[in-house]
Amino acid sequence: LAAIFTNDDIIIIDPEREYSRLVENLLGESIRLSASSTSSNHINAMSINKDVEDENPVSMKSELLISIFDELLKSGNSRMGGGVGAKDKSIIDRCCIRVYADYMNGRTDKEPTLMQLRDEFLNQPEPEAHDLALCLEMFTTGSLNSFAHQSNVNVNKRIVSYDILELGEQMKSIGLLIMLDNIMNRVIENRKKGKYTRVYIDEAH
């Protein structure tokens, strides 16, 4: 009903692939997120909204990346016994600022990717930075690289569903963080326009 009787943007999180056909019939975009390296749908994990009011978008992305690495280090039984330490946070923030510099200054219109972030880690002198690069290897040059490319899906259609059926256990926590960040960018953009965004989470339990 919201699709027919309102002009609101509609976003659906679809864990069981139940909405794809409906969304496509309503001329929306169904985005299939997958842990497979052969997936044809890509969302750039480093995508940002430059027009955030009252907050620095690079700082917001730095916070997201710290959350992602916290998940990676906890699940990987890291050298620290779990989670991101103070040194890691500083390195992530420093590298994040550097990889966004050209994009934020208008010297390029291409957003950075996780591959560039990994390269920046490898350029740092600290051994902790090289550990962070190693954490990213599987998600950049390895088998779970679907969030390491430029986005090739239209996340700006009025109706969008995120099909997360094929995320898999290894990718799920990270994929959900990236997806929610992507949705938040849309909500922020719509708020500036004075437009409502409806987010439906199926199987929320």
Protein backbone atom coordinates (compact mmCIF):
# COMPACT_ATOMS: atom_id res chain seq x y z
CA LEU A 1 0.00 0.00 0.00
CA ALA A 2 2.84 2.39 0.80
CA ALA A 3 4.22 1.81 -2.69
CA ILE A 4 0.91 2.78 -4.30
CA PHE A 5 -0.55 5.46 -2.05
CA THR A 6 2.55 7.38 -0.90
CA ASN A 7 5.66 8.87 -2.48
CA ASP A 8 7.85 7.56 0.33
CA ASP A 9 11.01 5.63 -0.46
CA ILE A 10 10.70 1.99 0.54
CA ILE A 11 13.59 -0.22 1.64
CA ILE A 12 13.11 -3.91 2.43
CA ILE A 13 15.56 -6.23 4.15
CA ASP A 14 14.69 -9.63 2.71
CA PRO A 15 16.37 -12.66 4.38
CA GLU A 16 14.36 -15.34 2.53
CA ARG A 17 14.21 -13.98 -1.04
CA GLU A 18 10.46 -13.42 -0.84
CA TYR A 19 10.21 -9.88 -2.22
CA SER A 20 12.37 -9.88 -5.37
CA ARG A 21 9.58 -10.43 -7.88
CA LEU A 22 7.24 -7.95 -6.20
CA VAL A 23 9.94 -5.26 -6.06
CA GLU A 24 10.90 -5.79 -9.70
CA ASN A 25 7.23 -5.63 -10.78
CA LEU A 26 7.02 -2.27 -8.99
CA LEU A 27 10.08 -1.13 -11.03
CA GLY A 28 12.30 -1.25 -7.97
CA GLU A 29 15.76 -2.74 -7.50
CA SER A 30 16.38 -6.11 -5.86
CA ILE A 31 19.97 -6.30 -4.67
CA ARG A 32 21.23 -9.82 -4.04
CA LEU A 33 24.06 -9.70 -1.49
CA SER A 34 26.20 -12.82 -1.59
CA ALA A 35 29.36 -14.16 -0.01
CA SER A 36 30.39 -15.57 -3.38
CA SER A 37 33.24 -13.90 -5.26
CA THR A 38 31.27 -14.57 -8.46
CA SER A 39 28.29 -12.49 -7.30
CA SER A 40 27.23 -9.94 -9.92
CA ASN A 41 25.91 -7.45 -7.31
CA HIS A 42 28.43 -5.21 -5.59
CA ILE A 43 28.01 -2.51 -2.96
CA ASN A 44 31.13 -0.51 -2.19
CA ALA A 45 31.69 -0.76 1.56
CA MET A 46 33.54 2.59 1.39
CA SER A 47 30.65 4.51 -0.19
CA ILE A 48 29.77 7.69 1.73
CA ASN A 49 27.31 10.57 1.64
CA LYS A 50 29.30 13.80 1.29
CA ASP A 51 26.31 15.95 2.22
CA VAL A 52 25.88 14.88 5.85
CA GLU A 53 24.91 17.85 7.99
CA ASP A 54 26.68 18.52 11.30
CA GLU A 55 28.91 15.45 10.99
CA ASN A 56 32.07 14.53 9.13
CA PRO A 57 31.21 11.70 6.68
CA VAL A 58 34.78 10.36 6.80
CA SER A 59 34.61 10.18 10.60
CA MET A 60 31.32 8.29 10.31
CA LYS A 61 32.92 5.82 7.89
CA SER A 62 35.92 5.46 10.20
CA GLU A 63 33.53 4.43 13.00
CA LEU A 64 31.90 1.86 10.71
CA LEU A 65 35.30 0.43 9.75
CA ILE A 66 36.27 0.16 13.42
CA SER A 67 33.07 -1.85 13.99
CA ILE A 68 33.89 -4.09 11.00
CA PHE A 69 37.43 -4.74 12.23
CA ASP A 70 36.11 -5.37 15.72
CA GLU A 71 34.03 -8.20 14.24
CA LEU A 72 36.95 -9.51 12.19
CA LEU A 73 39.39 -9.49 15.09
CA LYS A 74 36.94 -11.09 17.51
CA SER A 75 36.07 -13.87 15.10
CA GLY A 76 39.70 -14.39 14.17
CA ASN A 77 41.01 -14.90 17.73
CA SER A 78 43.27 -11.89 17.27
CA ARG A 79 46.58 -11.17 18.93
CA MET A 80 44.64 -8.99 21.41
CA GLY A 81 42.28 -11.73 22.46
CA GLY A 82 39.37 -10.08 20.68
CA GLY A 83 38.37 -6.71 19.37
CA VAL A 84 40.00 -3.50 18.21
CA GLY A 85 42.60 -1.85 20.42
CA ALA A 86 43.44 1.85 20.79
CA LYS A 87 46.41 1.57 18.38
CA ASP A 88 44.25 -0.11 15.74
CA LYS A 89 41.62 2.62 16.02
CA SER A 90 44.23 5.30 15.38
CA ILE A 91 45.62 3.42 12.37
CA ILE A 92 42.16 2.82 10.90
CA ASP A 93 41.22 6.48 11.32
CA ARG A 94 44.52 7.71 9.81
CA CYS A 95 44.26 5.43 6.79
CA CYS A 96 40.59 6.24 6.32
CA ILE A 97 41.37 9.97 6.12
CA ARG A 98 44.16 9.33 3.61
CA VAL A 99 42.19 7.11 1.22
CA TYR A 100 39.31 9.62 1.10
CA ALA A 101 41.52 12.71 0.64
CA ASP A 102 41.33 12.91 -3.18
CA TYR A 103 37.62 12.10 -3.27
CA MET A 104 36.69 14.65 -0.61
CA ASN A 105 38.84 17.34 -2.26
CA GLY A 106 37.26 16.76 -5.67
CA ARG A 107 40.44 15.47 -7.31
CA THR A 108 38.57 12.29 -8.29
CA ASP A 109 34.92 11.37 -8.57
CA LYS A 110 35.60 7.72 -7.72
CA GLU A 111 35.05 6.63 -4.17
CA PRO A 112 37.86 4.55 -2.62
CA THR A 113 37.35 0.82 -2.06
CA LEU A 114 38.44 -1.68 0.57
CA MET A 115 41.30 -2.64 -1.76
CA GLN A 116 42.73 0.88 -1.51
CA LEU A 117 42.27 0.83 2.25
CA ARG A 118 44.21 -2.45 2.46
CA ASP A 119 47.01 -0.96 0.34
CA GLU A 120 47.13 2.04 2.69
CA PHE A 121 47.47 -0.28 5.70
CA LEU A 122 50.41 -1.99 4.00
CA ASN A 123 52.08 1.40 3.51
CA GLN A 124 52.09 2.11 7.25
CA PRO A 125 55.14 1.36 9.43
CA GLU A 126 53.31 -0.28 12.34
CA PRO A 127 53.04 -4.09 12.47
CA GLU A 128 49.44 -3.62 13.68
CA ALA A 129 48.61 -1.97 10.33
CA HIS A 130 49.91 -5.03 8.50
CA ASP A 131 47.73 -7.22 10.75
CA LEU A 132 44.71 -5.13 9.75
CA ALA A 133 45.64 -5.56 6.08
CA LEU A 134 45.82 -9.32 6.61
CA CYS A 135 42.34 -9.26 8.18
CA LEU A 136 41.05 -7.60 5.00
CA GLU A 137 42.73 -9.99 2.57
CA MET A 138 39.84 -12.45 2.33
CA PHE A 139 37.41 -9.54 1.81
CA THR A 140 39.46 -7.79 -0.88
CA THR A 141 41.58 -10.16 -2.95
CA GLY A 142 40.11 -13.35 -1.48
CA SER A 143 36.91 -15.33 -1.85
CA LEU A 144 34.61 -12.89 0.01
CA ASN A 145 35.33 -9.76 -2.03
CA SER A 146 31.79 -8.72 -3.00
CA PHE A 147 31.99 -5.47 -0.97
CA ALA A 148 35.46 -4.52 -2.26
CA HIS A 149 34.38 -3.13 -5.66
CA GLN A 150 32.69 0.01 -6.89
CA SER A 151 28.90 -0.27 -6.52
CA ASN A 152 27.18 -1.59 -9.66
CA VAL A 153 23.58 -1.61 -8.36
CA ASN A 154 21.08 1.23 -8.19
CA VAL A 155 20.54 1.81 -4.49
CA ASN A 156 18.71 5.06 -5.29
CA LYS A 157 15.55 3.61 -6.82
CA ARG A 158 12.39 4.47 -4.93
CA ILE A 159 11.85 0.82 -3.91
CA VAL A 160 14.89 -1.28 -3.01
CA SER A 161 15.11 -4.72 -1.45
CA TYR A 162 18.31 -6.14 0.02
CA ASP A 163 18.27 -9.92 -0.51
CA ILE A 164 20.60 -11.31 2.17
CA LEU A 165 19.81 -15.02 1.75
CA GLU A 166 23.29 -15.88 0.40
CA LEU A 167 25.44 -13.82 2.75
CA GLY A 168 26.67 -16.90 4.61
CA GLU A 169 28.00 -17.11 8.15
CA GLN A 170 31.48 -15.71 7.42
CA MET A 171 30.10 -12.63 5.70
CA LYS A 172 26.85 -12.08 7.59
CA SER A 173 27.91 -9.72 10.41
CA ILE A 174 30.11 -7.63 8.12
CA GLY A 175 27.59 -7.66 5.27
CA LEU A 176 24.81 -6.48 7.58
CA LEU A 177 26.95 -3.61 8.89
CA ILE A 178 27.73 -2.48 5.33
CA MET A 179 24.09 -2.84 4.26
CA LEU A 180 22.84 -0.80 7.24
CA ASP A 181 25.44 1.90 6.53
CA ASN A 182 24.21 1.99 2.93
CA ILE A 183 20.61 2.36 4.11
CA MET A 184 21.62 5.08 6.59
CA ASN A 185 23.21 7.08 3.75
CA ARG A 186 19.85 6.93 1.95
CA VAL A 187 17.90 7.98 5.04
CA ILE A 188 20.23 10.94 5.64
CA GLU A 189 19.89 12.05 2.01
CA ASN A 190 16.09 11.80 2.14
CA ARG A 191 15.91 13.70 5.42
CA LYS A 192 17.68 16.62 3.74
CA LYS A 193 15.06 16.51 0.97
CA GLY A 194 12.19 16.33 3.47
CA LYS A 195 11.27 12.88 2.17
CA TYR A 196 10.12 9.92 4.27
CA THR A 197 11.92 6.59 4.12
CA ARG A 198 10.14 3.40 5.15
CA VAL A 199 12.43 0.53 6.15
CA TYR A 200 10.80 -2.91 6.44
CA ILE A 201 12.77 -5.69 8.13
CA ASP A 202 11.27 -9.08 7.35
CA GLU A 203 11.91 -11.94 9.80
CA ALA A 204 13.16 -9.36 12.31
CA HIS A 205 13.30 -12.00 15.04
